[in-house]
Amino acid sequence: MTNQSNGKFLPQDRKGRRKSPISRILLVIALVSALIFAGTVFITLRNRVALNRMAETARETTQASAPAETAIPTRVTVPPTTAATTAPTEPREILPRFQELYEKNPDLAGWLTVPGTKIDYPVMYSPDEPERYLHANFEVGYSFAGLPFIDAACNVESGNRIIYAHNMLDGSMFRTLLKYQQKDFWQRNPVISFSTLYEEQEYEVVAAFYDKVYKKTDTNFKFYQFYDTSDQKHFDEAMAYYKKKALYDTGITAQCGDLFLTLVTCAYQTENGRFVVVARQK
């Protein structure tokens, strides 16, 4: 009698059968899982759109700043005295640890390691196809997370190497770069390693800050267009901007002409937001 009485309070399905509490729990779990999955897809797609916008902005900047091409390239004649006294540039030897990787994929530009994070990845450079590694792995097969890549408007020899990567929910790529929001994390991990194919290099963090991608018509300083660190005017402007935007004071100063490393990933503090870490070579 008691069981039958309690059964009256259980929900029924279309055929009039009672649903057990376990069924209701499973239904709730399924609904919650569906919501979590939908949220993950939404944020992932937002990451993709944001990085696409950044890559497009960099590409437009490069095209806008490049001199107009003539129909027939100008041929430059080197004076005989100069040609005779200028020694040919000898090819540099690739570091042993990169030789095999470079043979597999010549887009390899170096290796980035940030202590205290999950960032320990090859860095790619494909100026002829700037977005190649936006969603590609080292074998150039599809991978939504992609790989860190150097801005097509600069290169490994530029005064400021700007490197982009996704902010992935699973913690991969540049997700853990956001640890530099906290000053105590920087104090424990003030040095970043970026090795080119030819040289092991270390960089001291100068500043960490939030910023955004601005409209082309905006006249303010744009961190993603600062490539030449040997130009005193642009260098001074950049240093003043970094100091103004920095989340905390690192006390690290730089000189015009220093070699810089700028790491960039998506952030959501504002529309088209970015989180940026700038470092200079030790």
Protein backbone atom coordinates (compact mmCIF):
# COMPACT_ATOMS: atom_id res chain seq x y z
CA MET A 1 0.00 0.00 0.00
CA THR A 2 2.76 2.44 0.93
CA ASN A 3 4.70 1.76 -2.27
CA GLN A 4 1.59 2.30 -4.38
CA SER A 5 0.81 5.54 -2.58
CA ASN A 6 4.34 6.86 -3.08
CA GLY A 7 4.17 5.89 -6.73
CA LYS A 8 1.44 8.45 -7.33
CA PHE A 9 3.97 11.22 -6.92
CA LEU A 10 6.40 9.93 -9.56
CA PRO A 11 6.16 11.65 -13.00
CA GLN A 12 4.73 9.57 -15.81
CA ASP A 13 5.93 9.08 -19.37
CA ARG A 14 3.63 9.15 -22.41
CA LYS A 15 2.54 5.57 -21.78
CA GLY A 16 1.58 6.30 -18.19
CA ARG A 17 4.59 4.54 -16.67
CA ARG A 18 6.17 6.09 -13.60
CA LYS A 19 9.60 7.74 -14.04
CA SER A 20 12.05 6.88 -11.31
CA PRO A 21 14.22 9.50 -9.53
CA ILE A 22 17.25 8.01 -11.31
CA SER A 23 15.69 8.81 -14.68
CA ARG A 24 15.11 12.38 -13.61
CA ILE A 25 18.73 12.71 -12.44
CA LEU A 26 20.03 11.30 -15.72
CA LEU A 27 17.86 13.76 -17.62
CA VAL A 28 19.25 16.69 -15.62
CA ILE A 29 22.83 15.47 -16.18
CA ALA A 30 22.18 15.21 -19.92
CA LEU A 31 20.80 18.75 -20.05
CA VAL A 32 23.72 20.19 -18.08
CA SER A 33 26.21 18.36 -20.31
CA ALA A 34 24.51 19.76 -23.40
CA LEU A 35 24.72 23.30 -22.01
CA ILE A 36 28.42 22.89 -21.16
CA PHE A 37 29.14 21.54 -24.64
CA ALA A 38 27.27 24.43 -26.28
CA GLY A 39 29.20 26.93 -24.16
CA THR A 40 32.52 25.34 -25.07
CA VAL A 41 31.69 25.46 -28.78
CA PHE A 42 30.66 29.11 -28.50
CA ILE A 43 33.86 30.20 -26.74
CA THR A 44 36.04 28.17 -29.10
CA LEU A 45 34.40 29.77 -32.13
CA ARG A 46 34.85 33.18 -30.52
CA ASN A 47 38.58 32.43 -30.15
CA ARG A 48 38.77 31.54 -33.82
CA VAL A 49 37.00 34.72 -34.94
CA ALA A 50 39.25 36.86 -32.72
CA LEU A 51 42.49 35.40 -34.06
CA ASN A 52 41.21 35.64 -37.61
CA ARG A 53 40.59 39.33 -37.03
CA MET A 54 44.10 39.81 -35.63
CA ALA A 55 45.67 38.03 -38.59
CA GLU A 56 43.57 40.11 -41.00
CA THR A 57 44.61 43.32 -39.26
CA ALA A 58 48.29 42.36 -39.47
CA ARG A 59 47.91 41.52 -43.16
CA GLU A 60 46.18 44.83 -43.91
CA THR A 61 48.89 46.70 -42.02
CA THR A 62 51.61 45.01 -44.06
CA GLN A 63 49.87 45.81 -47.33
CA ALA A 64 49.21 49.41 -46.33
CA SER A 65 52.80 50.07 -45.27
CA ALA A 66 54.47 48.34 -48.22
CA PRO A 67 55.68 50.57 -51.06
CA ALA A 68 53.77 50.32 -54.32
CA GLU A 69 55.27 47.82 -56.75
CA THR A 70 56.37 48.97 -60.18
CA ALA A 71 55.56 46.99 -63.27
CA ILE A 72 59.26 46.32 -63.84
CA PRO A 73 61.47 45.90 -60.75
CA THR A 74 64.37 48.31 -60.56
CA ARG A 75 67.68 46.55 -61.12
CA VAL A 76 70.41 47.64 -58.73
CA THR A 77 74.00 47.51 -59.97
CA VAL A 78 76.66 46.98 -57.30
CA PRO A 79 79.87 48.99 -57.93
CA PRO A 80 82.85 46.70 -58.67
CA THR A 81 84.81 47.96 -55.67
CA THR A 82 81.94 47.11 -53.32
CA ALA A 83 81.38 43.72 -54.87
CA ALA A 84 85.06 42.90 -54.63
CA THR A 85 85.44 43.87 -51.00
CA THR A 86 82.17 42.44 -49.66
CA ALA A 87 82.59 38.91 -48.36
CA PRO A 88 79.76 36.50 -49.19
CA THR A 89 77.42 35.71 -46.32
CA GLU A 90 78.07 32.24 -45.05
CA PRO A 91 75.01 30.12 -44.30
CA ARG A 92 74.43 29.69 -40.60
CA GLU A 93 74.35 26.24 -39.12
CA ILE A 94 71.06 25.08 -37.64
CA LEU A 95 71.26 23.96 -34.02
CA PRO A 96 71.48 20.15 -33.78
CA ARG A 97 68.21 19.85 -31.85
CA PHE A 98 66.31 21.53 -34.69
CA GLN A 99 67.89 19.86 -37.70
CA GLU A 100 65.53 16.90 -37.93
CA LEU A 101 62.45 19.03 -37.24
CA TYR A 102 63.48 21.57 -39.87
CA GLU A 103 63.90 18.83 -42.45
CA LYS A 104 60.35 17.71 -41.72
CA ASN A 105 58.92 21.23 -41.93
CA PRO A 106 61.00 24.24 -43.08
CA ASP A 107 58.33 26.61 -41.69
CA LEU A 108 59.90 26.01 -38.28
CA ALA A 109 61.28 29.31 -36.95
CA GLY A 110 62.25 28.32 -33.42
CA TRP A 111 61.02 27.03 -30.09
CA LEU A 112 59.22 28.90 -27.30
CA THR A 113 59.28 27.84 -23.64
CA VAL A 114 57.69 29.79 -20.79
CA PRO A 115 58.55 28.40 -17.33
CA GLY A 116 55.61 27.81 -15.00
CA THR A 117 53.19 27.36 -17.91
CA LYS A 118 52.25 24.71 -20.47
CA ILE A 119 53.90 26.76 -23.21
CA ASP A 120 56.62 24.60 -24.76
CA TYR A 121 56.00 24.62 -28.50
CA PRO A 122 57.61 25.00 -31.90
CA VAL A 123 57.03 28.44 -33.43
CA MET A 124 56.15 28.62 -37.11
CA TYR A 125 56.60 31.27 -39.80
CA SER A 126 54.83 31.15 -43.17
CA PRO A 127 54.71 34.68 -44.64
CA ASP A 128 53.30 33.47 -47.96
CA GLU A 129 50.34 31.98 -46.10
CA PRO A 130 50.07 33.93 -42.82
CA GLU A 131 47.21 31.89 -41.34
CA ARG A 132 48.58 28.45 -42.19
CA TYR A 133 49.11 27.48 -38.54
CA LEU A 134 46.01 29.14 -37.19
CA HIS A 135 44.41 25.68 -37.36
CA ALA A 136 47.22 23.35 -38.42
CA ASN A 137 49.68 21.13 -36.56
CA PHE A 138 53.38 20.65 -37.28
CA GLU A 139 52.59 18.17 -40.06
CA VAL A 140 50.26 20.82 -41.55
CA GLY A 141 47.27 18.61 -40.81
CA TYR A 142 44.10 20.08 -39.33
CA SER A 143 44.23 21.01 -35.67
CA PHE A 144 41.82 23.54 -34.21
CA ALA A 145 44.39 24.62 -31.59
CA GLY A 146 46.98 25.28 -34.30
CA LEU A 147 50.51 26.31 -33.29
CA PRO A 148 52.20 29.55 -32.20
CA PHE A 149 53.21 31.55 -35.28
CA ILE A 150 55.18 34.71 -36.02
CA ASP A 151 53.36 37.72 -37.45
CA ALA A 152 53.79 37.69 -41.23
CA ALA A 153 54.76 41.38 -41.15
CA CYS A 154 57.95 40.55 -39.26
CA ASN A 155 60.35 37.61 -39.14
CA VAL A 156 62.90 35.93 -36.90
CA GLU A 157 65.41 38.72 -37.65
CA SER A 158 63.00 41.57 -36.80
CA GLY A 159 63.71 43.78 -33.82
CA ASN A 160 60.38 42.71 -32.34
CA ARG A 161 59.15 39.16 -32.97
CA ILE A 162 55.38 39.10 -32.46
CA ILE A 163 54.02 35.62 -31.80
CA TYR A 164 50.33 34.70 -31.73
CA ALA A 165 48.55 31.62 -30.40
CA HIS A 166 45.05 30.60 -29.36
CA ASN A 167 43.70 30.93 -25.82
CA MET A 168 42.44 27.33 -25.53
CA LEU A 169 40.01 26.19 -22.85
CA ASP A 170 41.95 22.97 -22.30
CA GLY A 171 44.96 25.02 -21.15
CA SER A 172 47.03 24.47 -24.28
CA MET A 173 48.69 27.02 -26.58
CA PHE A 174 48.74 30.46 -24.89
CA ARG A 175 46.00 29.88 -22.31
CA THR A 176 48.50 29.80 -19.44
CA LEU A 177 50.20 32.97 -20.67
CA LEU A 178 47.48 34.72 -18.65
CA LYS A 179 49.32 33.67 -15.50
CA TYR A 180 51.39 36.80 -16.08
CA GLN A 181 48.38 38.78 -14.91
CA GLN A 182 49.72 38.15 -11.43
CA LYS A 183 52.88 39.91 -10.28
CA ASP A 184 53.88 37.04 -8.00
CA PHE A 185 53.88 34.68 -11.00
CA TRP A 186 56.17 37.06 -12.92
CA GLN A 187 58.48 37.26 -9.89
CA ARG A 188 58.87 33.47 -9.97
CA ASN A 189 59.14 33.31 -13.77
CA PRO A 190 60.75 36.52 -15.07
CA VAL A 191 62.59 34.90 -18.01
CA ILE A 192 61.17 33.43 -21.22
CA SER A 193 63.14 31.19 -23.59
CA PHE A 194 62.84 31.60 -27.35
CA SER A 195 65.40 29.79 -29.43
CA THR A 196 65.74 30.51 -33.13
CA LEU A 197 67.03 27.83 -35.47
CA TYR A 198 70.53 29.17 -34.94
CA GLU A 199 70.72 30.55 -31.41
CA GLU A 200 69.46 29.89 -27.89
CA GLN A 201 67.98 33.10 -26.49
CA GLU A 202 66.47 34.30 -23.21
CA TYR A 203 64.19 37.27 -22.66
CA GLU A 204 63.27 39.25 -19.55
CA VAL A 205 59.62 40.23 -19.19
CA VAL A 206 59.23 44.01 -19.55
CA ALA A 207 55.46 44.31 -19.25
CA ALA A 208 52.22 42.33 -19.20
CA PHE A 209 48.99 44.09 -20.07
CA TYR A 210 45.52 43.93 -21.59
CA ASP A 211 44.85 45.69 -24.86
CA LYS A 212 42.73 45.36 -27.99
CA VAL A 213 42.81 45.46 -31.77
CA TYR A 214 41.96 49.01 -32.78
CA LYS A 215 40.23 50.35 -35.84
CA LYS A 216 42.48 51.25 -38.74
CA THR A 217 41.38 54.86 -38.35
CA ASP A 218 42.49 55.02 -34.71
CA THR A 219 45.67 57.03 -34.31
CA ASN A 220 46.84 55.63 -30.96
CA PHE A 221 49.86 53.34 -30.56
CA LYS A 222 49.19 49.79 -31.76
CA PHE A 223 51.44 47.19 -30.13
CA TYR A 224 50.91 44.78 -33.04
CA GLN A 225 52.46 47.24 -35.51
CA PHE A 226 55.69 47.82 -33.60
CA TYR A 227 58.37 45.88 -35.49
CA ASP A 228 61.45 48.09 -35.77
CA THR A 229 63.05 48.65 -32.36
CA SER A 230 65.93 50.67 -33.86
CA ASP A 231 63.70 53.65 -34.67
CA GLN A 232 64.13 55.96 -31.64
CA LYS A 233 60.78 57.72 -32.03
CA HIS A 234 58.78 54.51 -32.31
CA PHE A 235 60.84 52.89 -29.57
CA ASP A 236 60.16 55.73 -27.12
CA GLU A 237 56.48 55.64 -27.99
CA ALA A 238 56.34 51.90 -27.38
CA MET A 239 58.14 52.10 -24.03
CA ALA A 240 55.84 54.86 -22.80
CA TYR A 241 52.81 52.84 -23.90
CA TYR A 242 53.99 49.65 -22.21
CA LYS A 243 54.61 51.55 -18.98
CA LYS A 244 51.15 53.08 -19.10
CA LYS A 245 49.36 49.79 -19.82
CA ALA A 246 51.43 47.46 -17.59
CA LEU A 247 49.58 45.58 -14.87
CA TYR A 248 52.61 45.99 -12.59
CA ASP A 249 56.12 47.43 -12.68
CA THR A 250 58.82 44.89 -13.54
CA GLY A 251 61.62 47.40 -13.26
CA ILE A 252 63.08 46.09 -16.51
CA THR A 253 64.27 48.82 -18.87
CA ALA A 254 65.30 48.56 -22.51
CA GLN A 255 67.44 50.42 -25.00
CA CYS A 256 66.66 51.44 -28.55
CA GLY A 257 67.75 48.60 -30.81
CA ASP A 258 67.23 45.83 -28.23
CA LEU A 259 65.71 42.58 -29.45
CA PHE A 260 62.11 42.11 -28.31
CA LEU A 261 59.63 39.27 -28.05
CA THR A 262 55.89 39.97 -27.91
CA LEU A 263 53.46 37.15 -27.07
CA VAL A 264 49.79 37.71 -27.86
CA THR A 265 46.59 35.78 -27.22
CA CYS A 266 42.88 36.53 -27.13
CA ALA A 267 41.27 38.01 -24.03
CA TYR A 268 37.68 38.96 -23.32
CA GLN A 269 37.90 42.03 -21.11
CA THR A 270 36.63 44.02 -24.11
CA GLU A 271 35.65 43.53 -27.73
CA ASN A 272 38.66 42.32 -29.75
CA GLY A 273 40.59 42.13 -26.49
CA ARG A 274 44.14 40.79 -26.22
CA PHE A 275 46.51 39.80 -23.45
CA VAL A 276 50.11 40.76 -24.21
CA VAL A 277 53.48 39.92 -22.69
CA VAL A 278 56.48 41.92 -23.91
CA ALA A 279 60.05 40.83 -23.16
CA ARG A 280 63.53 41.98 -24.19
CA GLN A 281 66.60 39.84 -24.82
CA LYS A 282 68.93 39.48 -21.82
